[in-house]
Amino acid sequence: MAKRTNKRQSTLPEPPKPVPALETPVARASFFTIYLIITIIIGLGGAAWYRSYLEESNLSSGETETAVWKVVELPGKGFGMVAKRNISQGTTILREKPLFLVPASIRESPERLIASLVSQLSPEKRRQFNALSHHSNPDSTGEAQMLAKTQTNAISAGDMIGIFPNTARLNHGCSSAFNVAYNWAAGEQELVVQAFKPIMEGEEILTTYTDTKRPRDERRQYLQGAYNFFCTCSVCSLPPEESKRSDERLVEMSRLKSKLSEWGSKDMGGGEATNIINKIWKLGEEEGYWSERGSLAWDAVQVAAAHGQEDATRRWALVAEKWFSIELGPNSLQAKDAANIIRRPKSHPSWGARYRVKVESPAF
């Protein structure tokens, strides 16, 4: 099961807008959002555009096993993806083209559109689509079931949504339990899945279906309602006292991240903003929450650059480049942009936009 929207960008909107940072794990498209994307009125010709797309694209092969991973049946979880060998941090787990994309501009029935797209798939790709699980409208059949499978498994791909049958095999983990992140590579028109933690042979490869920086009871309630399962990941299965401490760290990370947005509205100075970023990083280290580090460091790059601090800008850019390379790949636009700032800190678009003041460098 896998299903997500675009992840959130940097919390610092000001000034001027920086290069997009790593998307956060809030990556699953809600059923309502997907339905709107499919139904909301937008120009004619969606199906015709898709026939051309399907003819010209080299779509996913839908492999169920590679040298790195395999899909297996897991007790109590259905199918999932596990490592066939030890996987080092920063390894590309998967590059996958969609079975189909749904443009954000259609004027026809969503059921009929999805049915039309599925009918144009090859027999093998149609088999991959039919094998996907769904919990939206579970008793549906025919075109309604096709829509339900799309609603359950859709992943945002730029300004469209797509079906990626291999990535759909990634199950959910909270906080420190998930070990991969994925990102839509617009230039290649494919989804890229990266290991941001080392993964041992036989270990399940997990993504996250939501922002899990909230207490266990809230996470479980959300996942039960949105995805119809009771989370028993390693974090949700912690003993009561350990779970309480984990919850406290996650809630504090979320609170500090929200407070950091005050820098964008000029209600916070650069020193305090970078101090908060260091605090979030420390809490994440204690929690084992390694996701979003590239974007967090990139927030600090923006703060340091805006306040005209060349050395701090370069130091934070080094951290951002390292983690963007791990989370998105060394050839990602974000990693390349961070590398450019390392070489030329003053080239950052926010350079000198605020008063000069000393800010904190990475404290780790």
Protein backbone atom coordinates (compact mmCIF):
# COMPACT_ATOMS: atom_id res chain seq x y z
CA MET A 1 0.00 0.00 0.00
CA ALA A 2 1.39 3.40 -0.86
CA LYS A 3 -0.24 6.69 -1.46
CA ARG A 4 0.96 10.25 -1.02
CA THR A 5 0.95 13.95 -1.89
CA ASN A 6 3.85 16.28 -2.45
CA LYS A 7 5.86 16.86 0.66
CA ARG A 8 5.99 20.28 2.23
CA GLN A 9 8.72 22.75 1.28
CA SER A 10 10.85 24.95 3.52
CA THR A 11 9.03 26.70 6.35
CA LEU A 12 10.86 29.93 5.64
CA PRO A 13 8.93 31.78 2.93
CA GLU A 14 10.92 34.98 3.01
CA PRO A 15 12.97 36.56 1.18
CA PRO A 16 13.04 35.84 -1.92
CA LYS A 17 11.93 32.27 -2.38
CA PRO A 18 14.95 29.90 -2.22
CA VAL A 19 15.55 26.88 -4.40
CA PRO A 20 12.97 24.22 -3.40
CA ALA A 21 14.16 22.10 -0.52
CA LEU A 22 13.52 18.45 0.20
CA GLU A 23 9.89 17.63 0.50
CA THR A 24 8.80 16.36 3.91
CA PRO A 25 7.32 12.95 4.45
CA VAL A 26 3.77 14.25 4.20
CA ALA A 27 3.64 12.66 0.83
CA ARG A 28 0.43 10.86 0.41
CA ALA A 29 -2.45 12.29 -1.56
CA SER A 30 -5.65 12.25 0.45
CA PHE A 31 -8.59 10.55 -1.16
CA PHE A 32 -10.49 13.83 -1.27
CA THR A 33 -7.56 15.68 -2.84
CA ILE A 34 -7.07 13.01 -5.48
CA TYR A 35 -10.76 12.99 -6.29
CA LEU A 36 -10.68 16.75 -6.73
CA ILE A 37 -7.60 16.57 -8.92
CA ILE A 38 -9.34 14.03 -11.09
CA THR A 39 -12.73 15.72 -11.19
CA ILE A 40 -11.94 19.40 -11.08
CA ILE A 41 -12.48 20.91 -14.37
CA ILE A 42 -9.65 21.60 -16.48
CA GLY A 43 -9.27 21.78 -20.18
CA LEU A 44 -10.36 19.23 -22.70
CA GLY A 45 -8.33 16.43 -24.16
CA GLY A 46 -7.02 14.66 -21.04
CA ALA A 47 -7.54 11.18 -22.44
CA ALA A 48 -6.06 12.10 -25.82
CA TRP A 49 -2.98 13.52 -24.12
CA TYR A 50 -2.64 10.25 -22.25
CA ARG A 51 -2.79 8.03 -25.31
CA SER A 52 0.19 9.96 -26.66
CA TYR A 53 1.99 9.73 -23.31
CA LEU A 54 1.53 5.97 -23.05
CA GLU A 55 2.77 5.43 -26.59
CA GLU A 56 5.91 7.51 -26.18
CA SER A 57 6.98 6.68 -22.61
CA ASN A 58 9.18 3.85 -21.43
CA LEU A 59 6.99 2.93 -18.49
CA SER A 60 7.82 0.94 -15.36
CA SER A 61 8.65 -2.73 -15.82
CA GLY A 62 6.93 -3.56 -12.56
CA GLU A 63 9.69 -5.81 -11.24
CA THR A 64 8.99 -7.73 -8.04
CA GLU A 65 12.67 -8.38 -7.32
CA THR A 66 16.01 -6.69 -8.02
CA ALA A 67 19.56 -7.16 -6.77
CA VAL A 68 18.72 -4.80 -3.89
CA TRP A 69 15.15 -5.67 -2.82
CA LYS A 70 12.34 -8.13 -3.24
CA VAL A 71 8.60 -8.05 -2.60
CA VAL A 72 7.42 -10.69 -0.13
CA GLU A 73 4.30 -11.47 1.85
CA LEU A 74 4.64 -10.26 5.44
CA PRO A 75 2.54 -11.65 8.31
CA GLY A 76 -0.28 -9.27 9.15
CA LYS A 77 0.82 -6.68 6.57
CA GLY A 78 0.14 -8.17 3.16
CA PHE A 79 3.01 -7.57 0.76
CA GLY A 80 6.05 -5.47 1.50
CA MET A 81 9.56 -4.74 0.28
CA VAL A 82 12.61 -6.17 2.06
CA ALA A 83 16.35 -5.80 1.49
CA LYS A 84 18.11 -8.69 -0.29
CA ARG A 85 21.49 -7.48 0.94
CA ASN A 86 22.90 -4.81 3.21
CA ILE A 87 22.07 -1.40 1.75
CA SER A 88 24.31 1.53 2.52
CA GLN A 89 23.05 5.01 3.30
CA GLY A 90 22.45 7.05 0.16
CA THR A 91 21.78 4.05 -2.08
CA THR A 92 19.17 4.48 -4.79
CA ILE A 93 16.62 1.77 -4.03
CA LEU A 94 14.39 2.30 -7.00
CA ARG A 95 13.78 4.45 -10.04
CA GLU A 96 10.26 3.98 -11.33
CA LYS A 97 8.24 5.44 -14.14
CA PRO A 98 4.47 5.53 -13.65
CA LEU A 99 2.00 3.10 -15.12
CA PHE A 100 0.09 6.26 -15.93
CA LEU A 101 -0.21 9.85 -14.83
CA VAL A 102 -3.43 11.76 -14.32
CA PRO A 103 -3.16 15.36 -15.54
CA ALA A 104 -4.55 18.08 -13.35
CA SER A 105 -6.86 19.16 -16.15
CA ILE A 106 -9.79 17.00 -17.12
CA ARG A 107 -13.43 17.51 -17.89
CA GLU A 108 -14.72 13.97 -17.81
CA SER A 109 -15.91 11.43 -15.28
CA PRO A 110 -12.97 10.33 -13.09
CA GLU A 111 -14.14 6.71 -13.27
CA ARG A 112 -14.23 6.79 -17.05
CA LEU A 113 -10.85 8.52 -17.30
CA ILE A 114 -9.11 5.97 -15.05
CA ALA A 115 -10.80 3.10 -16.89
CA SER A 116 -9.62 4.55 -20.19
CA LEU A 117 -6.03 4.86 -18.95
CA VAL A 118 -6.04 1.31 -17.57
CA SER A 119 -7.47 -0.06 -20.83
CA GLN A 120 -4.50 1.40 -22.73
CA LEU A 121 -1.94 -0.42 -20.58
CA SER A 122 -0.20 -3.52 -21.84
CA PRO A 123 -1.50 -6.82 -20.38
CA GLU A 124 1.49 -6.98 -17.99
CA LYS A 125 1.04 -3.41 -16.78
CA ARG A 126 -2.69 -3.98 -16.41
CA ARG A 127 -1.87 -7.01 -14.25
CA GLN A 128 0.34 -4.80 -12.07
CA PHE A 129 -2.47 -2.28 -11.65
CA ASN A 130 -5.05 -4.97 -10.86
CA ALA A 131 -2.73 -6.45 -8.21
CA LEU A 132 -2.74 -3.20 -6.21
CA SER A 133 -4.70 -3.20 -2.98
CA HIS A 134 -7.35 -0.63 -2.14
CA HIS A 135 -9.31 0.32 0.94
CA SER A 136 -11.24 3.20 -0.56
CA ASN A 137 -14.71 1.91 -1.43
CA PRO A 138 -13.68 -1.72 -0.67
CA ASP A 139 -16.80 -3.33 -2.15
CA SER A 140 -16.50 -1.56 -5.48
CA THR A 141 -16.19 -3.31 -8.83
CA GLY A 142 -15.44 -2.33 -12.41
CA GLU A 143 -14.66 1.33 -13.07
CA ALA A 144 -15.41 2.29 -9.46
CA GLN A 145 -12.79 -0.21 -8.25
CA MET A 146 -10.23 1.20 -10.68
CA LEU A 147 -10.84 4.64 -9.24
CA ALA A 148 -10.57 3.22 -5.71
CA LYS A 149 -7.19 1.65 -6.53
CA THR A 150 -6.02 4.98 -7.89
CA GLN A 151 -7.24 6.83 -4.81
CA THR A 152 -5.41 4.40 -2.52
CA ASN A 153 -2.14 4.17 -4.43
CA ALA A 154 -1.66 7.53 -6.13
CA ILE A 155 1.59 9.40 -5.54
CA SER A 156 2.10 13.03 -6.49
CA ALA A 157 4.33 13.55 -9.48
CA GLY A 158 4.86 17.26 -9.91
CA ASP A 159 1.48 18.79 -10.67
CA MET A 160 0.01 15.39 -11.55
CA ILE A 161 -0.56 12.11 -9.74
CA GLY A 162 0.75 8.74 -10.83
CA ILE A 163 0.55 5.04 -10.14
CA PHE A 164 3.88 3.41 -9.26
CA PRO A 165 3.31 -0.30 -8.52
CA ASN A 166 6.73 -1.03 -7.04
CA THR A 167 6.79 2.00 -4.76
CA ALA A 168 3.25 1.06 -3.74
CA ARG A 169 4.75 -1.99 -2.01
CA LEU A 170 6.50 0.21 0.53
CA ASN A 171 4.76 -0.07 3.87
CA HIS A 172 4.62 2.62 6.52
CA GLY A 173 6.85 3.31 9.50
CA CYS A 174 6.70 6.18 11.98
CA SER A 175 9.52 8.46 13.08
CA SER A 176 12.77 6.47 13.34
CA ALA A 177 11.19 3.35 11.80
CA PHE A 178 11.13 4.47 8.16
CA ASN A 179 14.35 4.38 6.23
CA VAL A 180 13.72 5.62 2.67
CA ALA A 181 12.44 8.80 1.06
CA TYR A 182 11.17 9.30 -2.45
CA ASN A 183 11.12 12.28 -4.76
CA TRP A 184 9.68 13.03 -8.19
CA ALA A 185 12.49 13.72 -10.65
CA ALA A 186 10.74 15.96 -13.17
CA GLY A 187 13.55 15.88 -15.73
CA GLU A 188 13.59 12.09 -15.90
CA GLN A 189 9.85 11.77 -15.32
CA GLU A 190 10.38 9.11 -12.68
CA LEU A 191 10.07 8.54 -8.96
CA VAL A 192 13.38 8.06 -7.16
CA VAL A 193 13.53 6.17 -3.85
CA GLN A 194 16.65 6.71 -1.71
CA ALA A 195 17.85 4.99 1.47
CA PHE A 196 18.66 7.73 3.98
CA LYS A 197 19.59 5.14 6.60
CA PRO A 198 21.61 1.92 6.35
CA ILE A 199 19.28 -1.06 5.84
CA MET A 200 20.28 -4.58 6.82
CA GLU A 201 19.67 -7.70 4.73
CA GLY A 202 16.18 -9.00 5.44
CA GLU A 203 15.02 -5.71 6.97
CA GLU A 204 11.81 -4.22 5.65
CA ILE A 205 12.19 -1.10 3.52
CA LEU A 206 9.74 1.48 4.85
CA THR A 207 8.54 4.92 3.88
CA THR A 208 6.05 7.07 5.80
CA TYR A 209 2.48 7.92 4.86
CA THR A 210 2.20 11.09 6.94
CA ASP A 211 4.11 13.57 9.07
CA THR A 212 4.72 11.39 12.13
CA LYS A 213 6.04 14.14 14.40
CA ARG A 214 3.06 13.73 16.72
CA PRO A 215 2.10 11.42 19.61
CA ARG A 216 1.57 7.71 19.01
CA ASP A 217 -2.18 7.79 19.69
CA GLU A 218 -2.66 10.60 17.15
CA ARG A 219 -0.56 8.80 14.55
CA ARG A 220 -2.48 5.58 15.00
CA GLN A 221 -5.84 7.31 14.87
CA TYR A 222 -4.92 9.07 11.64
CA LEU A 223 -3.53 5.94 9.98
CA GLN A 224 -6.53 3.88 11.01
CA GLY A 225 -8.91 6.42 9.51
CA ALA A 226 -6.95 7.26 6.37
CA TYR A 227 -5.38 3.88 5.54
CA ASN A 228 -7.38 1.38 7.56
CA PHE A 229 -4.56 -0.18 9.58
CA PHE A 230 -3.37 -0.10 13.19
CA CYS A 231 0.29 0.85 13.20
CA THR A 232 2.61 -1.63 14.93
CA CYS A 233 5.91 -0.25 13.61
CA SER A 234 8.95 -0.36 15.88
CA VAL A 235 8.21 3.14 17.21
CA CYS A 236 4.52 2.52 17.86
CA SER A 237 5.48 -0.76 19.59
CA LEU A 238 7.83 0.84 22.12
CA PRO A 239 7.15 0.17 25.83
CA PRO A 240 5.04 2.90 27.51
CA GLU A 241 7.88 4.93 29.05
CA GLU A 242 10.02 4.84 25.91
CA SER A 243 6.99 5.72 23.80
CA LYS A 244 6.26 8.70 26.06
CA ARG A 245 9.80 10.02 25.65
CA SER A 246 9.60 9.50 21.90
CA ASP A 247 6.30 11.38 21.76
CA GLU A 248 7.80 14.27 23.72
CA ARG A 249 10.72 14.57 21.32
CA LEU A 250 8.47 14.42 18.24
CA VAL A 251 6.01 16.99 19.60
CA GLU A 252 8.86 19.32 20.49
CA MET A 253 10.39 18.96 17.02
CA SER A 254 7.04 19.87 15.51
CA ARG A 255 6.61 22.83 17.85
CA LEU A 256 10.05 24.19 17.07
CA LYS A 257 9.55 23.70 13.33
CA SER A 258 6.34 25.72 13.55
CA LYS A 259 8.05 28.42 15.60
CA LEU A 260 10.83 28.65 13.00
CA SER A 261 8.33 30.11 10.55
CA GLU A 262 8.38 33.30 12.64
CA TRP A 263 11.71 34.14 11.01
CA GLY A 264 9.91 34.45 7.68
CA SER A 265 7.53 37.04 9.12
CA LYS A 266 10.46 38.93 10.70
CA ASP A 267 9.29 38.11 14.21
CA MET A 268 12.50 36.24 14.96
CA GLY A 269 16.18 37.03 14.53
CA GLY A 270 18.70 34.96 12.63
CA GLY A 271 20.54 33.83 15.75
CA GLU A 272 17.38 32.45 17.32
CA ALA A 273 16.32 30.81 14.04
CA THR A 274 19.60 28.91 13.63
CA ASN A 275 19.55 28.01 17.33
CA ILE A 276 16.14 26.41 16.79
CA ILE A 277 17.45 24.50 13.77
CA ASN A 278 20.30 23.11 15.88
CA LYS A 279 17.78 22.10 18.55
CA ILE A 280 15.59 20.30 16.02
CA TRP A 281 18.65 18.50 14.68
CA LYS A 282 19.69 17.38 18.18
CA LEU A 283 16.18 16.11 18.97
CA GLY A 284 16.10 14.26 15.65
CA GLU A 285 19.41 12.62 16.48
CA GLU A 286 18.10 11.51 19.87
CA GLU A 287 14.90 10.21 18.29
CA GLY A 288 16.59 8.57 15.31
CA TYR A 289 14.50 10.74 12.99
CA TRP A 290 16.84 11.36 10.05
CA SER A 291 14.37 12.44 7.40
CA GLU A 292 14.13 16.08 6.23
CA ARG A 293 17.70 16.91 7.19
CA GLY A 294 18.50 18.37 3.80
CA SER A 295 15.59 20.79 3.93
CA LEU A 296 16.31 21.70 7.56
CA ALA A 297 19.91 22.59 6.71
CA TRP A 298 18.69 24.48 3.65
CA ASP A 299 16.45 26.58 5.92
CA ALA A 300 19.60 27.48 7.86
CA VAL A 301 21.39 28.35 4.60
CA GLN A 302 18.64 30.82 3.81
CA VAL A 303 18.78 32.40 7.27
CA ALA A 304 22.57 32.71 7.24
CA ALA A 305 22.60 34.12 3.70
CA ALA A 306 19.85 36.63 4.39
CA HIS A 307 21.86 37.95 7.34
CA GLY A 308 25.04 38.14 5.26
CA GLN A 309 27.03 35.50 7.16
CA GLU A 310 29.35 33.95 4.57
CA ASP A 311 31.06 31.33 6.73
CA ALA A 312 27.83 30.09 8.32
CA THR A 313 26.14 30.01 4.92
CA ARG A 314 28.90 27.80 3.54
CA ARG A 315 28.89 25.51 6.59
CA TRP A 316 25.15 24.95 6.44
CA ALA A 317 25.34 24.46 2.68
CA LEU A 318 27.87 21.67 3.23
CA VAL A 319 25.36 19.94 5.49
CA ALA A 320 22.51 20.52 3.04
CA GLU A 321 24.54 19.18 0.11
CA LYS A 322 25.45 16.04 2.09
CA TRP A 323 21.88 15.26 3.09
CA PHE A 324 20.25 16.20 -0.20
CA SER A 325 22.70 13.78 -1.83
CA ILE A 326 21.67 11.07 0.64
CA GLU A 327 17.93 11.77 0.51
CA LEU A 328 17.51 12.75 -3.13
CA GLY A 329 20.71 11.62 -4.82
CA PRO A 330 23.94 13.49 -5.66
CA ASN A 331 22.58 14.51 -9.06
CA SER A 332 19.42 16.05 -7.67
CA LEU A 333 18.82 19.73 -8.32
CA GLN A 334 18.78 20.40 -4.59
CA ALA A 335 22.20 18.83 -4.04
CA LYS A 336 23.62 20.76 -6.99
CA ASP A 337 22.14 24.03 -5.76
CA ALA A 338 23.67 23.47 -2.31
CA ALA A 339 27.03 22.72 -3.94
CA ASN A 340 26.84 26.03 -5.80
CA ILE A 341 26.27 27.88 -2.53
CA ILE A 342 29.29 26.13 -0.99
CA ARG A 343 31.41 27.60 -3.78
CA ARG A 344 29.71 31.01 -3.87
CA PRO A 345 27.74 31.75 -0.67
CA LYS A 346 26.89 35.27 -1.81
CA SER A 347 25.08 33.92 -4.86
CA HIS A 348 22.17 32.76 -2.70
CA PRO A 349 19.03 34.69 -3.79
CA SER A 350 18.41 35.80 -0.18
CA TRP A 351 21.92 37.17 0.32
CA GLY A 352 21.93 40.34 2.43
CA ALA A 353 18.14 40.70 2.48
CA ARG A 354 18.15 41.18 6.27
CA TYR A 355 20.28 43.15 8.71
CA ARG A 356 23.74 41.72 9.37
CA VAL A 357 23.87 39.66 12.55
CA LYS A 358 25.81 36.64 13.71
CA VAL A 359 24.00 33.33 13.36
CA GLU A 360 24.82 29.86 14.62
CA SER A 361 26.77 27.38 12.51
CA PRO A 362 25.99 23.64 12.68
CA ALA A 363 26.47 22.47 16.27
CA PHE A 364 26.96 18.79 15.41
